N, C-alpha and C. Protein backbone atom coordinates (compact mmCIF):
# COMPACT_ATOMS: atom_id res chain seq x y z
N MET A 1 90.27 146.25 128.83
CA MET A 1 90.70 145.00 128.27
C MET A 1 90.38 144.99 126.79
N LYS A 2 91.35 144.63 125.96
CA LYS A 2 91.19 144.61 124.51
C LYS A 2 90.59 143.27 124.08
N ARG A 3 89.58 143.32 123.21
CA ARG A 3 88.94 142.11 122.71
C ARG A 3 89.65 141.62 121.47
N ASP A 4 89.70 140.33 121.31
CA ASP A 4 90.28 139.70 120.12
C ASP A 4 89.19 139.63 119.07
N ASN A 5 89.37 140.31 117.95
CA ASN A 5 88.37 140.34 116.89
C ASN A 5 88.45 139.15 115.94
N ALA A 6 89.31 138.22 116.24
CA ALA A 6 89.47 137.07 115.35
C ALA A 6 88.25 136.17 115.37
N GLY A 7 87.47 136.22 116.42
CA GLY A 7 86.24 135.45 116.48
C GLY A 7 86.46 134.06 117.05
N PRO A 8 85.36 133.36 117.29
CA PRO A 8 85.46 132.02 117.85
C PRO A 8 86.13 131.06 116.87
N GLY A 9 86.91 130.16 117.39
CA GLY A 9 87.57 129.16 116.55
C GLY A 9 88.85 129.63 115.93
N ALA A 10 89.20 130.88 116.09
CA ALA A 10 90.45 131.37 115.51
C ALA A 10 91.61 130.81 116.28
N GLY A 11 92.68 130.52 115.61
CA GLY A 11 93.86 129.96 116.25
C GLY A 11 94.64 131.02 116.97
N SER A 12 95.79 130.64 117.45
CA SER A 12 96.63 131.57 118.18
C SER A 12 97.11 132.68 117.27
N ARG A 13 97.28 133.85 117.84
CA ARG A 13 97.79 135.04 117.16
C ARG A 13 96.94 135.45 115.95
N GLY A 14 95.64 135.14 115.99
CA GLY A 14 94.73 135.61 114.96
C GLY A 14 94.81 134.84 113.65
N LYS A 15 95.51 133.72 113.59
CA LYS A 15 95.58 132.94 112.36
C LYS A 15 94.27 132.20 112.15
N PRO A 16 93.90 131.98 110.91
CA PRO A 16 92.68 131.20 110.67
C PRO A 16 92.84 129.79 111.22
N PRO A 17 91.72 129.13 111.57
CA PRO A 17 91.78 127.80 112.17
C PRO A 17 92.53 126.79 111.31
N SER A 18 92.46 126.89 110.00
CA SER A 18 93.10 125.91 109.12
C SER A 18 94.61 125.92 109.25
N GLN A 19 95.17 127.00 109.75
CA GLN A 19 96.63 127.08 109.88
C GLN A 19 97.12 126.61 111.25
N THR A 20 96.24 126.50 112.21
CA THR A 20 96.69 126.12 113.54
C THR A 20 96.09 124.84 114.05
N GLN A 21 94.96 124.44 113.52
CA GLN A 21 94.31 123.22 113.98
C GLN A 21 93.56 122.58 112.84
N ARG A 22 93.31 121.29 112.97
CA ARG A 22 92.53 120.56 111.97
C ARG A 22 91.05 120.83 112.24
N ASN A 23 90.23 120.64 111.23
CA ASN A 23 88.79 120.87 111.37
C ASN A 23 88.08 119.66 111.96
N GLY A 24 88.79 118.75 112.55
CA GLY A 24 88.19 117.58 113.15
C GLY A 24 89.08 116.38 112.92
N PRO A 25 88.67 115.26 113.43
CA PRO A 25 89.49 114.05 113.29
C PRO A 25 89.54 113.58 111.84
N GLU A 26 90.65 112.98 111.48
CA GLU A 26 90.79 112.42 110.15
C GLU A 26 90.50 110.93 110.22
N MET A 27 90.02 110.39 109.14
CA MET A 27 89.72 108.96 109.07
C MET A 27 91.04 108.19 109.11
N VAL A 28 91.06 107.10 109.88
CA VAL A 28 92.26 106.28 110.01
C VAL A 28 92.67 105.74 108.63
N GLY A 29 91.69 105.34 107.84
CA GLY A 29 91.99 104.82 106.50
C GLY A 29 92.72 105.83 105.64
N GLU A 30 92.33 107.08 105.72
CA GLU A 30 93.00 108.13 104.95
C GLU A 30 94.43 108.34 105.43
N LEU A 31 94.60 108.36 106.75
CA LEU A 31 95.94 108.53 107.31
C LEU A 31 96.84 107.35 106.93
N LEU A 32 96.30 106.15 107.08
CA LEU A 32 97.06 104.94 106.77
C LEU A 32 97.40 104.88 105.29
N GLY A 33 96.43 105.20 104.44
CA GLY A 33 96.68 105.21 102.99
C GLY A 33 97.79 106.17 102.63
N GLY A 34 97.77 107.35 103.21
CA GLY A 34 98.82 108.33 102.95
C GLY A 34 100.17 107.85 103.44
N PHE A 35 100.19 107.23 104.61
CA PHE A 35 101.44 106.71 105.14
C PHE A 35 102.00 105.61 104.25
N LEU A 36 101.13 104.66 103.87
CA LEU A 36 101.58 103.55 103.02
C LEU A 36 102.11 104.05 101.68
N GLU A 37 101.46 105.06 101.14
CA GLU A 37 101.93 105.66 99.89
C GLU A 37 103.31 106.28 100.09
N LYS A 38 103.47 106.98 101.19
CA LYS A 38 104.73 107.66 101.48
C LYS A 38 105.90 106.70 101.61
N VAL A 39 105.66 105.54 102.24
CA VAL A 39 106.74 104.58 102.45
C VAL A 39 106.81 103.53 101.34
N GLY A 40 105.96 103.66 100.32
CA GLY A 40 106.04 102.79 99.16
C GLY A 40 105.43 101.41 99.34
N LEU A 41 104.46 101.27 100.26
CA LEU A 41 103.85 99.97 100.52
C LEU A 41 102.39 99.87 100.07
N ARG A 42 101.85 100.93 99.53
CA ARG A 42 100.43 100.96 99.18
C ARG A 42 100.07 99.84 98.20
N GLU A 43 100.82 99.70 97.13
CA GLU A 43 100.54 98.68 96.12
C GLU A 43 100.62 97.27 96.72
N ALA A 44 101.60 97.04 97.57
CA ALA A 44 101.75 95.72 98.20
C ALA A 44 100.55 95.39 99.07
N VAL A 45 100.06 96.35 99.82
CA VAL A 45 98.91 96.13 100.68
C VAL A 45 97.66 95.86 99.84
N LEU A 46 97.51 96.60 98.76
CA LEU A 46 96.37 96.38 97.87
C LEU A 46 96.42 94.99 97.25
N ARG A 47 97.62 94.53 96.88
CA ARG A 47 97.77 93.18 96.32
C ARG A 47 97.37 92.12 97.34
N ALA A 48 97.67 92.37 98.60
CA ALA A 48 97.38 91.38 99.65
C ALA A 48 95.88 91.14 99.82
N ASP A 49 95.05 92.06 99.38
CA ASP A 49 93.60 91.86 99.43
C ASP A 49 93.18 90.61 98.67
N VAL A 50 93.94 90.25 97.65
CA VAL A 50 93.63 89.08 96.84
C VAL A 50 93.61 87.82 97.69
N LEU A 51 94.45 87.76 98.71
CA LEU A 51 94.52 86.58 99.57
C LEU A 51 93.17 86.32 100.23
N GLU A 52 92.50 87.36 100.66
CA GLU A 52 91.20 87.22 101.32
C GLU A 52 90.09 86.95 100.32
N ASP A 53 90.20 87.49 99.12
CA ASP A 53 89.15 87.39 98.10
C ASP A 53 89.33 86.20 97.16
N TRP A 54 90.34 85.38 97.38
CA TRP A 54 90.70 84.33 96.42
C TRP A 54 89.51 83.47 96.00
N GLU A 55 88.87 82.80 96.94
CA GLU A 55 87.78 81.88 96.57
C GLU A 55 86.62 82.60 95.90
N GLU A 56 86.32 83.79 96.39
CA GLU A 56 85.23 84.58 95.79
C GLU A 56 85.54 84.91 94.33
N ARG A 57 86.79 85.20 94.04
CA ARG A 57 87.18 85.59 92.68
C ARG A 57 87.29 84.41 91.72
N VAL A 58 87.77 83.27 92.21
CA VAL A 58 88.00 82.13 91.31
C VAL A 58 86.86 81.12 91.32
N GLY A 59 85.98 81.21 92.28
CA GLY A 59 84.85 80.29 92.36
C GLY A 59 85.09 79.18 93.34
N GLU A 60 84.00 78.53 93.72
CA GLU A 60 84.03 77.51 94.75
C GLU A 60 84.85 76.28 94.35
N ALA A 61 84.71 75.83 93.11
CA ALA A 61 85.40 74.61 92.66
C ALA A 61 86.91 74.76 92.78
N ILE A 62 87.44 75.85 92.27
CA ILE A 62 88.89 76.08 92.35
C ILE A 62 89.29 76.42 93.78
N GLY A 63 88.45 77.17 94.46
CA GLY A 63 88.73 77.54 95.84
C GLY A 63 88.87 76.36 96.78
N LYS A 64 88.14 75.28 96.51
CA LYS A 64 88.20 74.10 97.37
C LYS A 64 89.51 73.33 97.23
N VAL A 65 90.18 73.44 96.09
CA VAL A 65 91.40 72.66 95.87
C VAL A 65 92.66 73.52 95.89
N THR A 66 92.51 74.78 96.26
CA THR A 66 93.66 75.70 96.28
C THR A 66 93.63 76.53 97.55
N ARG A 67 94.76 77.19 97.79
CA ARG A 67 94.87 78.17 98.88
C ARG A 67 95.84 79.24 98.43
N ALA A 68 95.36 80.49 98.40
CA ALA A 68 96.24 81.60 98.09
C ALA A 68 97.20 81.76 99.26
N GLN A 69 98.45 81.42 99.03
CA GLN A 69 99.44 81.33 100.11
C GLN A 69 100.08 82.67 100.44
N GLY A 70 100.41 83.46 99.42
CA GLY A 70 101.08 84.73 99.69
C GLY A 70 101.39 85.50 98.43
N ILE A 71 101.97 86.66 98.65
CA ILE A 71 102.35 87.56 97.56
C ILE A 71 103.85 87.75 97.64
N ARG A 72 104.51 87.64 96.50
CA ARG A 72 105.94 87.97 96.40
C ARG A 72 106.10 88.95 95.26
N GLY A 73 106.36 90.19 95.61
CA GLY A 73 106.43 91.22 94.59
C GLY A 73 105.07 91.40 93.96
N THR A 74 104.98 91.15 92.65
CA THR A 74 103.70 91.26 91.95
C THR A 74 103.13 89.89 91.61
N SER A 75 103.69 88.83 92.22
CA SER A 75 103.26 87.46 91.95
C SER A 75 102.42 86.92 93.10
N LEU A 76 101.38 86.18 92.75
CA LEU A 76 100.53 85.50 93.71
C LEU A 76 100.94 84.04 93.74
N ILE A 77 101.24 83.53 94.92
CA ILE A 77 101.63 82.13 95.10
C ILE A 77 100.40 81.38 95.59
N VAL A 78 100.04 80.30 94.88
CA VAL A 78 98.84 79.54 95.19
C VAL A 78 99.19 78.07 95.36
N GLU A 79 98.84 77.50 96.50
CA GLU A 79 99.04 76.07 96.74
C GLU A 79 97.88 75.30 96.12
N VAL A 80 98.20 74.16 95.51
CA VAL A 80 97.21 73.31 94.87
C VAL A 80 97.30 71.91 95.48
N ARG A 81 96.15 71.28 95.72
CA ARG A 81 96.10 69.99 96.42
C ARG A 81 96.68 68.82 95.65
N SER A 82 96.52 68.79 94.33
CA SER A 82 96.97 67.61 93.58
C SER A 82 97.69 68.03 92.29
N SER A 83 98.51 67.13 91.80
CA SER A 83 99.24 67.43 90.57
C SER A 83 98.29 67.53 89.38
N ALA A 84 97.20 66.79 89.39
CA ALA A 84 96.22 66.88 88.31
C ALA A 84 95.61 68.29 88.26
N TRP A 85 95.23 68.81 89.41
CA TRP A 85 94.70 70.17 89.48
C TRP A 85 95.79 71.19 89.12
N LEU A 86 96.99 70.94 89.54
CA LEU A 86 98.09 71.85 89.23
C LEU A 86 98.23 72.02 87.72
N MET A 87 98.19 70.90 86.99
CA MET A 87 98.30 70.96 85.53
C MET A 87 97.10 71.69 84.92
N GLU A 88 95.91 71.38 85.41
CA GLU A 88 94.69 72.02 84.91
C GLU A 88 94.72 73.54 85.13
N LEU A 89 95.11 73.95 86.33
CA LEU A 89 95.14 75.37 86.66
C LEU A 89 96.21 76.12 85.86
N ASN A 90 97.31 75.47 85.59
CA ASN A 90 98.33 76.11 84.75
C ASN A 90 97.80 76.38 83.35
N LEU A 91 96.92 75.52 82.85
CA LEU A 91 96.30 75.76 81.54
C LEU A 91 95.30 76.92 81.60
N MET A 92 94.73 77.15 82.76
CA MET A 92 93.72 78.20 82.95
C MET A 92 94.32 79.49 83.52
N LYS A 93 95.63 79.56 83.61
CA LYS A 93 96.31 80.65 84.32
C LYS A 93 95.89 82.05 83.86
N SER A 94 95.81 82.28 82.56
CA SER A 94 95.47 83.63 82.09
C SER A 94 94.04 84.02 82.46
N GLU A 95 93.12 83.05 82.40
CA GLU A 95 91.73 83.32 82.79
C GLU A 95 91.64 83.62 84.29
N ILE A 96 92.37 82.86 85.09
CA ILE A 96 92.36 83.06 86.54
C ILE A 96 92.98 84.42 86.88
N LEU A 97 94.05 84.78 86.20
CA LEU A 97 94.69 86.08 86.43
C LEU A 97 93.72 87.22 86.11
N ARG A 98 92.96 87.06 85.04
CA ARG A 98 91.96 88.06 84.68
C ARG A 98 90.92 88.20 85.79
N LYS A 99 90.45 87.07 86.34
CA LYS A 99 89.45 87.09 87.42
C LYS A 99 90.01 87.74 88.68
N VAL A 100 91.25 87.45 88.98
CA VAL A 100 91.88 88.00 90.18
C VAL A 100 91.98 89.52 90.09
N ASN A 101 92.28 90.03 88.91
CA ASN A 101 92.46 91.48 88.73
C ASN A 101 91.18 92.22 88.33
N GLU A 102 90.10 91.49 88.09
CA GLU A 102 88.86 92.10 87.64
C GLU A 102 88.37 93.17 88.61
N GLY A 103 88.09 94.36 88.06
CA GLY A 103 87.58 95.46 88.86
C GLY A 103 88.63 96.21 89.66
N ARG A 104 89.88 95.81 89.55
CA ARG A 104 90.96 96.46 90.29
C ARG A 104 91.69 97.42 89.36
N THR A 105 92.08 98.56 89.89
CA THR A 105 92.88 99.51 89.11
C THR A 105 94.27 99.68 89.69
N GLU A 106 94.43 99.27 90.95
CA GLU A 106 95.72 99.38 91.62
C GLU A 106 96.05 98.04 92.27
N GLY A 107 97.32 97.83 92.54
CA GLY A 107 97.74 96.62 93.22
C GLY A 107 97.47 95.37 92.39
N LEU A 108 97.67 95.48 91.10
CA LEU A 108 97.39 94.36 90.20
C LEU A 108 98.40 93.23 90.38
N ILE A 109 97.91 92.01 90.23
CA ILE A 109 98.76 90.83 90.23
C ILE A 109 99.22 90.62 88.79
N GLU A 110 100.51 90.47 88.59
CA GLU A 110 101.05 90.30 87.25
C GLU A 110 101.28 88.84 86.88
N ARG A 111 101.40 87.99 87.89
CA ARG A 111 101.73 86.59 87.62
C ARG A 111 101.17 85.71 88.74
N ILE A 112 100.74 84.52 88.37
CA ILE A 112 100.31 83.53 89.36
C ILE A 112 101.25 82.34 89.26
N VAL A 113 101.70 81.88 90.41
CA VAL A 113 102.57 80.70 90.48
C VAL A 113 101.82 79.64 91.28
N PHE A 114 101.52 78.51 90.62
CA PHE A 114 100.87 77.40 91.30
C PHE A 114 101.94 76.44 91.79
N VAL A 115 101.82 76.05 93.06
CA VAL A 115 102.76 75.10 93.64
C VAL A 115 101.98 73.96 94.28
N LEU A 116 102.55 72.78 94.24
CA LEU A 116 101.92 71.61 94.84
C LEU A 116 102.01 71.73 96.36
N ALA A 117 100.88 71.61 97.02
CA ALA A 117 100.85 71.72 98.48
C ALA A 117 101.54 70.53 99.10
N GLU A 118 102.24 70.78 100.18
CA GLU A 118 102.87 69.68 100.91
C GLU A 118 101.78 68.94 101.66
N GLN A 119 101.81 67.63 101.59
CA GLN A 119 100.76 66.80 102.18
C GLN A 119 100.99 66.57 103.64
């Protein structure tokens, strides 16, 4: 009987393991990130993180009177409780945009749209 000199872990027909099998499981995050990049959704998913981080980024005072409603393209849509706050936040828009994008290198928000919340 002839012995296979390829050694333990060698793939079929003497190929190195890297050509026939993976060296272990891949992280779901890495697989998902690659998939999202491939289908062109990576930036959109990164932008959506802002929805969860809204109050933390803008502070408690603004967070109490607003709700990050959604993302449309590169714009963040934010509902505001009152017209007085709506006017105030529009004056602070550039500062708020800076806070929203602070520390981010990808999935940046380019514009914030404040809308009056339906009562």
